Amino acid sequence: MDILTEKLIVIALFILIIHSIETLAYAVRLSGARVKLLASALSLFNVMVMVSRLANMMQQPFTGSLIDTAPGVDTLAFVEQQFRVIIGFASLGTLVGILLLPTFVALFSRAIIHLSEERGSIPALFKKSLKMEYIKRGFKHIHMPSFAYLKGISWRDIPFKLFIINVLITAIYTIGVLSALYAALLAPERHATAMMSSGLINGVATILLIIFIDPKISILADDVINQRGSYLNLKRASVMMMGSRLLGTILAQLLFIPGAKYVAWFTQFMT
């Protein structure tokens, strides 16, 4: 049976969009620092994070349905292959977000200014952005990816500890749902417990992200606005976080099965 079913392709594209949005969320702080409107930028950042989290929750039942439609023979191998395709699309979505960074920094800069003009009204901002004249202006901000954008950024200046932490957090977040669903196959007698644990896994990853990563980037953005730091430092940190996200989704391929086995083992203490 072919693993690339129509349902899998739709889910994989959905995952690609989710991870693209989450990667591009880093561009919002860059834009906020660029136009000196960090508070407005954070409002837009929160909207993007909320959309990506909601989309991630919406894809969970569709991903779970892949198990229900799996063939009775070699179910584990079949589902594993399908889930690895999904993880691969998470990496692809992150890469797309990285390549679109220059374009979206420019677009978000305009969006933040318009949000300020609309006195913080997100619905009014969306309504304005759908007008043809603003759509035409948006095309003018499209920039092709170029190594020139990385000018002045050196990997030697990247905080190694923060980089590794974000790689691990991203890997955990990427496989949270998939490992829990696969654990349900490994421990069928506790399948409901295993599947429900996905929310806990992603919740822990989100909390770690808020505690260890977001404050660091926010402080760098504050330093730029208050003229205590350079925009290059903020761009360096943002690019570093995107790069660590990409590595995290790749690491997720290695942690997927061990993570599922751990969830299956841990569920026995909940029953």
C-alpha atoms as a PDB file:
ATOM      1  CA  MET A   1       0.000   0.000   0.000  1.00  0.00           C
ATOM      2  CA  ASP A   2       1.349   3.419  -0.975  1.00  0.00           C
ATOM      3  CA  ILE A   3       2.153   5.549   2.075  1.00  0.00           C
ATOM      4  CA  LEU A   4       1.644   8.822   0.154  1.00  0.00           C
ATOM      5  CA  THR A   5      -2.129   8.865   0.395  1.00  0.00           C
ATOM      6  CA  GLU A   6      -4.187  11.920  -0.449  1.00  0.00           C
ATOM      7  CA  LYS A   7      -4.955  12.428   3.234  1.00  0.00           C
ATOM      8  CA  LEU A   8      -1.258  12.298   4.170  1.00  0.00           C
ATOM      9  CA  ILE A   9      -0.363  14.874   1.513  1.00  0.00           C
ATOM     10  CA  VAL A  10      -3.022  17.282   2.802  1.00  0.00           C
ATOM     11  CA  ILE A  11      -1.836  16.833   6.412  1.00  0.00           C
ATOM     12  CA  ALA A  12       1.809  17.235   5.380  1.00  0.00           C
ATOM     13  CA  LEU A  13       1.054  20.505   3.563  1.00  0.00           C
ATOM     14  CA  PHE A  14      -0.843  21.690   6.636  1.00  0.00           C
ATOM     15  CA  ILE A  15       2.209  20.904   8.788  1.00  0.00           C
ATOM     16  CA  LEU A  16       4.406  22.782   6.302  1.00  0.00           C
ATOM     17  CA  ILE A  17       2.250  25.894   6.686  1.00  0.00           C
ATOM     18  CA  ILE A  18       2.214  25.615  10.493  1.00  0.00           C
ATOM     19  CA  HIS A  19       5.993  25.422  10.774  1.00  0.00           C
ATOM     20  CA  SER A  20       6.445  28.208   8.229  1.00  0.00           C
ATOM     21  CA  ILE A  21       4.239  30.482  10.334  1.00  0.00           C
ATOM     22  CA  GLU A  22       6.041  29.566  13.559  1.00  0.00           C
ATOM     23  CA  THR A  23       9.415  30.202  11.946  1.00  0.00           C
ATOM     24  CA  LEU A  24       8.311  33.545  10.528  1.00  0.00           C
ATOM     25  CA  ALA A  25       7.115  34.614  13.971  1.00  0.00           C
ATOM     26  CA  TYR A  26      10.755  35.498  14.658  1.00  0.00           C
ATOM     27  CA  ALA A  27      10.521  38.084  11.882  1.00  0.00           C
ATOM     28  CA  VAL A  28       7.917  40.046  13.846  1.00  0.00           C
ATOM     29  CA  ARG A  29      10.372  41.148  16.528  1.00  0.00           C
ATOM     30  CA  LEU A  30      12.870  42.126  13.846  1.00  0.00           C
ATOM     31  CA  SER A  31      10.194  44.252  12.207  1.00  0.00           C
ATOM     32  CA  GLY A  32       9.133  45.780  15.533  1.00  0.00           C
ATOM     33  CA  ALA A  33      12.689  46.801  16.335  1.00  0.00           C
ATOM     34  CA  ARG A  34      13.105  48.109  12.806  1.00  0.00           C
ATOM     35  CA  VAL A  35      10.130  50.499  13.028  1.00  0.00           C
ATOM     36  CA  LYS A  36      10.542  51.170  16.795  1.00  0.00           C
ATOM     37  CA  LEU A  37       7.095  49.755  17.647  1.00  0.00           C
ATOM     38  CA  LEU A  38       7.866  46.676  19.717  1.00  0.00           C
ATOM     39  CA  ALA A  39       4.596  46.612  21.687  1.00  0.00           C
ATOM     40  CA  SER A  40       2.562  46.608  18.474  1.00  0.00           C
ATOM     41  CA  ALA A  41       4.908  43.977  17.071  1.00  0.00           C
ATOM     42  CA  LEU A  42       4.283  41.717  20.063  1.00  0.00           C
ATOM     43  CA  SER A  43       0.539  41.967  19.452  1.00  0.00           C
ATOM     44  CA  LEU A  44       1.077  40.744  15.902  1.00  0.00           C
ATOM     45  CA  PHE A  45       3.505  38.098  17.202  1.00  0.00           C
ATOM     46  CA  ASN A  46       0.864  36.793  19.625  1.00  0.00           C
ATOM     47  CA  VAL A  47      -1.662  36.536  16.792  1.00  0.00           C
ATOM     48  CA  MET A  48       0.758  34.464  14.716  1.00  0.00           C
ATOM     49  CA  VAL A  49       1.587  32.177  17.632  1.00  0.00           C
ATOM     50  CA  MET A  50      -2.108  31.729  18.429  1.00  0.00           C
ATOM     51  CA  VAL A  51      -2.877  30.853  14.796  1.00  0.00           C
ATOM     52  CA  SER A  52      -0.044  28.308  14.639  1.00  0.00           C
ATOM     53  CA  ARG A  53      -1.033  26.707  17.971  1.00  0.00           C
ATOM     54  CA  LEU A  54      -4.687  26.518  16.904  1.00  0.00           C
ATOM     55  CA  ALA A  55      -3.701  25.022  13.563  1.00  0.00           C
ATOM     56  CA  ASN A  56      -1.519  22.486  15.378  1.00  0.00           C
ATOM     57  CA  MET A  57      -4.482  21.449  17.528  1.00  0.00           C
ATOM     58  CA  MET A  58      -6.715  21.177  14.471  1.00  0.00           C
ATOM     59  CA  GLN A  59      -4.334  18.828  12.685  1.00  0.00           C
ATOM     60  CA  GLN A  60      -4.183  16.366  15.594  1.00  0.00           C
ATOM     61  CA  PRO A  61      -7.447  14.478  14.863  1.00  0.00           C
ATOM     62  CA  PHE A  62      -6.591  14.334  11.147  1.00  0.00           C
ATOM     63  CA  THR A  63      -3.153  12.923  11.956  1.00  0.00           C
ATOM     64  CA  GLY A  64      -4.776  10.427  14.308  1.00  0.00           C
ATOM     65  CA  SER A  65      -7.048   9.275  11.498  1.00  0.00           C
ATOM     66  CA  LEU A  66      -3.956   7.975   9.679  1.00  0.00           C
ATOM     67  CA  ILE A  67      -3.778   5.254  12.321  1.00  0.00           C
ATOM     68  CA  ASP A  68      -7.460   4.380  11.862  1.00  0.00           C
ATOM     69  CA  THR A  69      -6.988   3.930   8.103  1.00  0.00           C
ATOM     70  CA  ALA A  70      -3.669   2.066   8.308  1.00  0.00           C
ATOM     71  CA  PRO A  71      -3.609  -1.467   6.892  1.00  0.00           C
ATOM     72  CA  GLY A  72      -3.916  -4.353   9.339  1.00  0.00           C
ATOM     73  CA  VAL A  73      -0.604  -5.856   8.195  1.00  0.00           C
ATOM     74  CA  ASP A  74       2.633  -4.107   9.244  1.00  0.00           C
ATOM     75  CA  THR A  75       0.653  -1.268  10.803  1.00  0.00           C
ATOM     76  CA  LEU A  76       3.591  -0.037  12.860  1.00  0.00           C
ATOM     77  CA  ALA A  77       5.942   0.198   9.879  1.00  0.00           C
ATOM     78  CA  PHE A  78       3.290   1.838   7.698  1.00  0.00           C
ATOM     79  CA  VAL A  79       2.358   4.478  10.292  1.00  0.00           C
ATOM     80  CA  GLU A  80       6.024   5.151  11.081  1.00  0.00           C
ATOM     81  CA  GLN A  81       6.751   5.893   7.435  1.00  0.00           C
ATOM     82  CA  GLN A  82       3.771   8.231   7.172  1.00  0.00           C
ATOM     83  CA  PHE A  83       4.725  10.086  10.360  1.00  0.00           C
ATOM     84  CA  ARG A  84       8.306  10.480   9.143  1.00  0.00           C
ATOM     85  CA  VAL A  85       6.949  12.132   5.999  1.00  0.00           C
ATOM     86  CA  ILE A  86       5.058  14.572   8.235  1.00  0.00           C
ATOM     87  CA  ILE A  87       8.225  15.340  10.214  1.00  0.00           C
ATOM     88  CA  GLY A  88      10.043  15.879   6.919  1.00  0.00           C
ATOM     89  CA  PHE A  89       7.444  18.438   5.889  1.00  0.00           C
ATOM     90  CA  ALA A  90       7.953  20.172   9.253  1.00  0.00           C
ATOM     91  CA  SER A  91      11.609  20.615   8.271  1.00  0.00           C
ATOM     92  CA  LEU A  92      10.588  21.800   4.808  1.00  0.00           C
ATOM     93  CA  GLY A  93       8.142  24.319   6.300  1.00  0.00           C
ATOM     94  CA  THR A  94      10.856  25.667   8.599  1.00  0.00           C
ATOM     95  CA  LEU A  95      13.199  26.035   5.619  1.00  0.00           C
ATOM     96  CA  VAL A  96      10.495  27.898   3.680  1.00  0.00           C
ATOM     97  CA  GLY A  97      10.095  30.266   6.643  1.00  0.00           C
ATOM     98  CA  ILE A  98      13.837  30.924   6.710  1.00  0.00           C
ATOM     99  CA  LEU A  99      13.929  31.704   2.988  1.00  0.00           C
ATOM    100  CA  LEU A 100      10.971  34.085   3.332  1.00  0.00           C
ATOM    101  CA  LEU A 101      12.516  35.994   6.255  1.00  0.00           C
ATOM    102  CA  PRO A 102      13.643  39.139   4.317  1.00  0.00           C
ATOM    103  CA  THR A 103      10.262  39.425   2.593  1.00  0.00           C
ATOM    104  CA  PHE A 104       8.244  39.056   5.758  1.00  0.00           C
ATOM    105  CA  VAL A 105      10.419  41.433   7.772  1.00  0.00           C
ATOM    106  CA  ALA A 106       9.462  44.088   5.204  1.00  0.00           C
ATOM    107  CA  LEU A 107       5.777  43.053   5.155  1.00  0.00           C
ATOM    108  CA  PHE A 108       5.518  42.874   8.939  1.00  0.00           C
ATOM    109  CA  SER A 109       7.149  46.288   9.263  1.00  0.00           C
ATOM    110  CA  ARG A 110       4.331  47.763   7.174  1.00  0.00           C
ATOM    111  CA  ALA A 111       1.739  45.707   9.037  1.00  0.00           C
ATOM    112  CA  ILE A 112       2.996  46.934  12.425  1.00  0.00           C
ATOM    113  CA  ILE A 113       2.819  50.564  11.280  1.00  0.00           C
ATOM    114  CA  HIS A 114      -0.738  50.026  10.011  1.00  0.00           C
ATOM    115  CA  LEU A 115      -1.657  48.269  13.269  1.00  0.00           C
ATOM    116  CA  SER A 116      -0.471  51.320  15.173  1.00  0.00           C
ATOM    117  CA  GLU A 117      -2.512  53.572  12.870  1.00  0.00           C
ATOM    118  CA  GLU A 118      -5.581  51.404  13.527  1.00  0.00           C
ATOM    119  CA  ARG A 119      -5.041  51.826  17.278  1.00  0.00           C
ATOM    120  CA  GLY A 120      -4.311  48.148  17.780  1.00  0.00           C
ATOM    121  CA  SER A 121      -7.355  46.774  15.970  1.00  0.00           C
ATOM    122  CA  ILE A 122      -6.377  43.418  14.447  1.00  0.00           C
ATOM    123  CA  PRO A 123      -9.703  43.055  12.530  1.00  0.00           C
ATOM    124  CA  ALA A 124      -9.228  46.516  11.007  1.00  0.00           C
ATOM    125  CA  LEU A 125      -5.676  45.576  10.017  1.00  0.00           C
ATOM    126  CA  PHE A 126      -6.862  42.399   8.288  1.00  0.00           C
ATOM    127  CA  LYS A 127      -9.641  44.307   6.525  1.00  0.00           C
ATOM    128  CA  LYS A 128      -7.154  46.884   5.228  1.00  0.00           C
ATOM    129  CA  SER A 129      -4.670  44.202   4.131  1.00  0.00           C
ATOM    130  CA  LEU A 130      -7.309  42.613   1.895  1.00  0.00           C
ATOM    131  CA  LYS A 131      -7.701  45.766  -0.179  1.00  0.00           C
ATOM    132  CA  MET A 132      -6.237  45.484  -3.656  1.00  0.00           C
ATOM    133  CA  GLU A 133      -4.035  48.557  -3.294  1.00  0.00           C
ATOM    134  CA  TYR A 134      -2.325  47.106  -0.222  1.00  0.00           C
ATOM    135  CA  ILE A 135      -1.942  43.707  -1.881  1.00  0.00           C
ATOM    136  CA  LYS A 136      -0.190  45.396  -4.829  1.00  0.00           C
ATOM    137  CA  ARG A 137       2.099  47.265  -2.419  1.00  0.00           C
ATOM    138  CA  GLY A 138       2.887  43.972  -0.714  1.00  0.00           C
ATOM    139  CA  PHE A 139       4.328  42.521  -3.918  1.00  0.00           C
ATOM    140  CA  LYS A 140       6.876  45.359  -3.956  1.00  0.00           C
ATOM    141  CA  HIS A 141       8.307  44.069  -0.658  1.00  0.00           C
ATOM    142  CA  ILE A 142       9.055  40.589  -1.992  1.00  0.00           C
ATOM    143  CA  HIS A 143      12.779  39.876  -1.764  1.00  0.00           C
ATOM    144  CA  MET A 144      14.511  36.831  -3.170  1.00  0.00           C
ATOM    145  CA  PRO A 145      16.632  34.958  -0.596  1.00  0.00           C
ATOM    146  CA  SER A 146      20.223  36.096  -0.707  1.00  0.00           C
ATOM    147  CA  PHE A 147      23.390  35.359   1.260  1.00  0.00           C
ATOM    148  CA  ALA A 148      23.857  39.132   1.411  1.00  0.00           C
ATOM    149  CA  TYR A 149      21.143  39.159   4.104  1.00  0.00           C
ATOM    150  CA  LEU A 150      23.511  37.158   6.315  1.00  0.00           C
ATOM    151  CA  LYS A 151      26.277  39.743   5.995  1.00  0.00           C
ATOM    152  CA  GLY A 152      27.826  40.436   9.368  1.00  0.00           C
ATOM    153  CA  ILE A 153      26.389  37.284  10.957  1.00  0.00           C
ATOM    154  CA  SER A 154      28.996  34.873  12.287  1.00  0.00           C
ATOM    155  CA  TRP A 155      28.276  31.502  13.880  1.00  0.00           C
ATOM    156  CA  ARG A 156      31.066  32.241  16.360  1.00  0.00           C
ATOM    157  CA  ASP A 157      28.858  34.922  17.930  1.00  0.00           C
ATOM    158  CA  ILE A 158      25.938  32.541  18.537  1.00  0.00           C
ATOM    159  CA  PRO A 159      25.262  31.528  22.178  1.00  0.00           C
ATOM    160  CA  PHE A 160      25.817  27.770  21.997  1.00  0.00           C
ATOM    161  CA  LYS A 161      23.693  26.902  25.044  1.00  0.00           C
ATOM    162  CA  LEU A 162      20.655  28.821  23.783  1.00  0.00           C
ATOM    163  CA  PHE A 163      21.085  27.243  20.351  1.00  0.00           C
ATOM    164  CA  ILE A 164      21.080  23.685  21.758  1.00  0.00           C
ATOM    165  CA  ILE A 165      18.118  24.383  24.047  1.00  0.00           C
ATOM    166  CA  ASN A 166      16.021  25.601  21.118  1.00  0.00           C
ATOM    167  CA  VAL A 167      17.022  22.568  19.028  1.00  0.00           C
ATOM    168  CA  LEU A 168      15.798  20.226  21.771  1.00  0.00           C
ATOM    169  CA  ILE A 169      12.590  22.175  22.433  1.00  0.00           C
ATOM    170  CA  THR A 170      11.748  22.252  18.717  1.00  0.00           C
ATOM    171  CA  ALA A 171      12.410  18.509  18.399  1.00  0.00           C
ATOM    172  CA  ILE A 172      10.090  17.758  21.323  1.00  0.00           C
ATOM    173  CA  TYR A 173       7.370  20.048  19.973  1.00  0.00           C
ATOM    174  CA  THR A 174       7.651  18.529  16.480  1.00  0.00           C
ATOM    175  CA  ILE A 175       7.162  14.939  17.656  1.00  0.00           C
ATOM    176  CA  GLY A 176       4.804  15.615  20.575  1.00  0.00           C
ATOM    177  CA  VAL A 177       1.614  14.585  18.798  1.00  0.00           C
ATOM    178  CA  LEU A 178       3.213  11.965  16.554  1.00  0.00           C
ATOM    179  CA  SER A 179       5.067  10.116  19.333  1.00  0.00           C
ATOM    180  CA  ALA A 180       1.939  10.059  21.475  1.00  0.00           C
ATOM    181  CA  LEU A 181      -0.124   8.618  18.614  1.00  0.00           C
ATOM    182  CA  TYR A 182       2.534   6.032  17.824  1.00  0.00           C
ATOM    183  CA  ALA A 183       2.759   5.123  21.515  1.00  0.00           C
ATOM    184  CA  ALA A 184      -0.931   4.235  21.322  1.00  0.00           C
ATOM    185  CA  LEU A 185       0.029   1.497  18.838  1.00  0.00           C
ATOM    186  CA  LEU A 186       2.913   0.308  21.028  1.00  0.00           C
ATOM    187  CA  ALA A 187       0.642   0.075  24.085  1.00  0.00           C
ATOM    188  CA  PRO A 188      -2.855  -0.621  22.686  1.00  0.00           C
ATOM    189  CA  GLU A 189      -4.208  -1.444  26.145  1.00  0.00           C
ATOM    190  CA  ARG A 190      -3.431   2.153  27.171  1.00  0.00           C
ATOM    191  CA  HIS A 191      -4.037   3.841  23.811  1.00  0.00           C
ATOM    192  CA  ALA A 192      -6.360   6.553  25.150  1.00  0.00           C
ATOM    193  CA  THR A 193      -3.874   7.549  27.855  1.00  0.00           C
ATOM    194  CA  ALA A 194      -1.043   7.680  25.321  1.00  0.00           C
ATOM    195  CA  MET A 195      -2.967   9.820  22.834  1.00  0.00           C
ATOM    196  CA  MET A 196      -4.086  12.307  25.479  1.00  0.00           C
ATOM    197  CA  SER A 197      -0.485  12.812  26.621  1.00  0.00           C
ATOM    198  CA  SER A 198       0.318  14.791  23.441  1.00  0.00           C
ATOM    199  CA  GLY A 199      -1.143  17.944  24.953  1.00  0.00           C
ATOM    200  CA  LEU A 200       1.101  17.567  27.988  1.00  0.00           C
ATOM    201  CA  ILE A 201       4.210  17.085  25.848  1.00  0.00           C
ATOM    202  CA  ASN A 202       3.522  20.120  23.663  1.00  0.00           C
ATOM    203  CA  GLY A 203       2.517  22.129  26.724  1.00  0.00           C
ATOM    204  CA  VAL A 204       5.853  21.426  28.407  1.00  0.00           C
ATOM    205  CA  ALA A 205       7.718  22.340  25.206  1.00  0.00           C
ATOM    206  CA  THR A 206       5.783  25.608  24.949  1.00  0.00           C
ATOM    207  CA  ILE A 207       6.511  26.486  28.587  1.00  0.00           C
ATOM    208  CA  LEU A 208      10.228  25.810  28.072  1.00  0.00           C
ATOM    209  CA  LEU A 209      10.147  28.033  24.999  1.00  0.00           C
ATOM    210  CA  ILE A 210       8.527  30.865  26.964  1.00  0.00           C
ATOM    211  CA  ILE A 211      10.973  30.517  29.874  1.00  0.00           C
ATOM    212  CA  PHE A 212      14.295  30.051  28.080  1.00  0.00           C
ATOM    213  CA  ILE A 213      13.967  31.484  24.556  1.00  0.00           C
ATOM    214  CA  ASP A 214      11.393  34.276  24.215  1.00  0.00           C
ATOM    215  CA  PRO A 215      12.792  36.534  27.002  1.00  0.00           C
ATOM    216  CA  LYS A 216      16.269  36.498  25.439  1.00  0.00           C
ATOM    217  CA  ILE A 217      15.003  37.630  22.041  1.00  0.00           C
ATOM    218  CA  SER A 218      12.681  40.221  23.593  1.00  0.00           C
ATOM    219  CA  ILE A 219      15.549  41.790  25.557  1.00  0.00           C
ATOM    220  CA  LEU A 220      17.627  42.075  22.389  1.00  0.00           C
ATOM    221  CA  ALA A 221      14.707  43.817  20.670  1.00  0.00           C
ATOM    222  CA  ASP A 222      14.350  46.209  23.636  1.00  0.00           C
ATOM    223  CA  ASP A 223      18.065  46.991  23.457  1.00  0.00           C
ATOM    224  CA  VAL A 224      17.748  47.936  19.778  1.00  0.00           C
ATOM    225  CA  ILE A 225      14.825  50.293  20.430  1.00  0.00           C
ATOM    226  CA  ASN A 226      16.536  51.855  23.457  1.00  0.00           C
ATOM    227  CA  GLN A 227      19.785  52.203  21.489  1.00  0.00           C
ATOM    228  CA  ARG A 228      21.675  49.903  23.857  1.00  0.00           C
ATOM    229  CA  GLY A 229      22.240  47.232  21.215  1.00  0.00           C
ATOM    230  CA  SER A 230      22.506  46.851  17.468  1.00  0.00           C
ATOM    231  CA  TYR A 231      19.919  45.605  15.003  1.00  0.00           C
ATOM    232  CA  LEU A 232      22.581  43.209  13.709  1.00  0.00           C
ATOM    233  CA  ASN A 233      22.675  41.437  17.095  1.00  0.00           C
ATOM    234  CA  LEU A 234      18.918  40.960  16.992  1.00  0.00           C
ATOM    235  CA  LYS A 235      19.047  39.714  13.397  1.00  0.00           C
ATOM    236  CA  ARG A 236      21.885  37.363  14.308  1.00  0.00           C
ATOM    237  CA  ALA A 237      19.874  35.927  17.191  1.00  0.00           C
ATOM    238  CA  SER A 238      16.731  35.563  15.062  1.00  0.00           C
ATOM    239  CA  VAL A 239      18.578  33.789  12.254  1.00  0.00           C
ATOM    240  CA  MET A 240      20.235  31.572  14.866  1.00  0.00           C
ATOM    241  CA  MET A 241      16.856  30.636  16.334  1.00  0.00           C
ATOM    242  CA  MET A 242      15.523  29.795  12.884  1.00  0.00           C
ATOM    243  CA  GLY A 243      18.567  27.650  12.169  1.00  0.00           C
ATOM    244  CA  SER A 244      18.174  25.833  15.469  1.00  0.00           C
ATOM    245  CA  ARG A 245      14.488  25.253  14.666  1.00  0.00           C
ATOM    246  CA  LEU A 246      15.497  23.601  11.392  1.00  0.00           C
ATOM    247  CA  LEU A 247      18.005  21.359  13.169  1.00  0.00           C
ATOM    248  CA  GLY A 248      15.357  20.595  15.787  1.00  0.00           C
ATOM    249  CA  THR A 249      12.935  19.272  13.171  1.00  0.00           C
ATOM    250  CA  ILE A 250      15.748  17.123  11.742  1.00  0.00           C
ATOM    251  CA  LEU A 251      16.606  15.823  15.220  1.00  0.00           C
ATOM    252  CA  ALA A 252      12.923  14.954  15.607  1.00  0.00           C
ATOM    253  CA  GLN A 253      13.430  12.146  13.062  1.00  0.00           C
ATOM    254  CA  LEU A 254      15.881  10.526  15.486  1.00  0.00           C
ATOM    255  CA  LEU A 255      13.794  11.124  18.618  1.00  0.00           C
ATOM    256  CA  PHE A 256      10.451  10.059  17.156  1.00  0.00           C
ATOM    257  CA  ILE A 257      10.583   6.316  17.999  1.00  0.00           C
ATOM    258  CA  PRO A 258      12.473   6.707  21.327  1.00  0.00           C
ATOM    259  CA  GLY A 259       9.931   9.380  22.279  1.00  0.00           C
ATOM    260  CA  ALA A 260       7.036   7.067  21.444  1.00  0.00           C
ATOM    261  CA  LYS A 261       8.580   4.252  23.487  1.00  0.00           C
ATOM    262  CA  TYR A 262       9.052   6.605  26.427  1.00  0.00           C
ATOM    263  CA  VAL A 263       5.422   7.748  26.255  1.00  0.00           C
ATOM    264  CA  ALA A 264       4.256   4.114  26.072  1.00  0.00           C
ATOM    265  CA  TRP A 265       6.407   3.256  29.105  1.00  0.00           C
ATOM    266  CA  PHE A 266       5.270   6.315  31.055  1.00  0.00           C
ATOM    267  CA  THR A 267       1.544   5.615  30.526  1.00  0.00           C
ATOM    268  CA  GLN A 268       1.738   2.535  32.717  1.00  0.00           C
ATOM    269  CA  PHE A 269       2.179   4.816  35.733  1.00  0.00           C
ATOM    270  CA  MET A 270      -1.036   6.681  34.868  1.00  0.00           C
ATOM    271  CA  THR A 271      -3.301   3.653  34.872  1.00  0.00           C
END
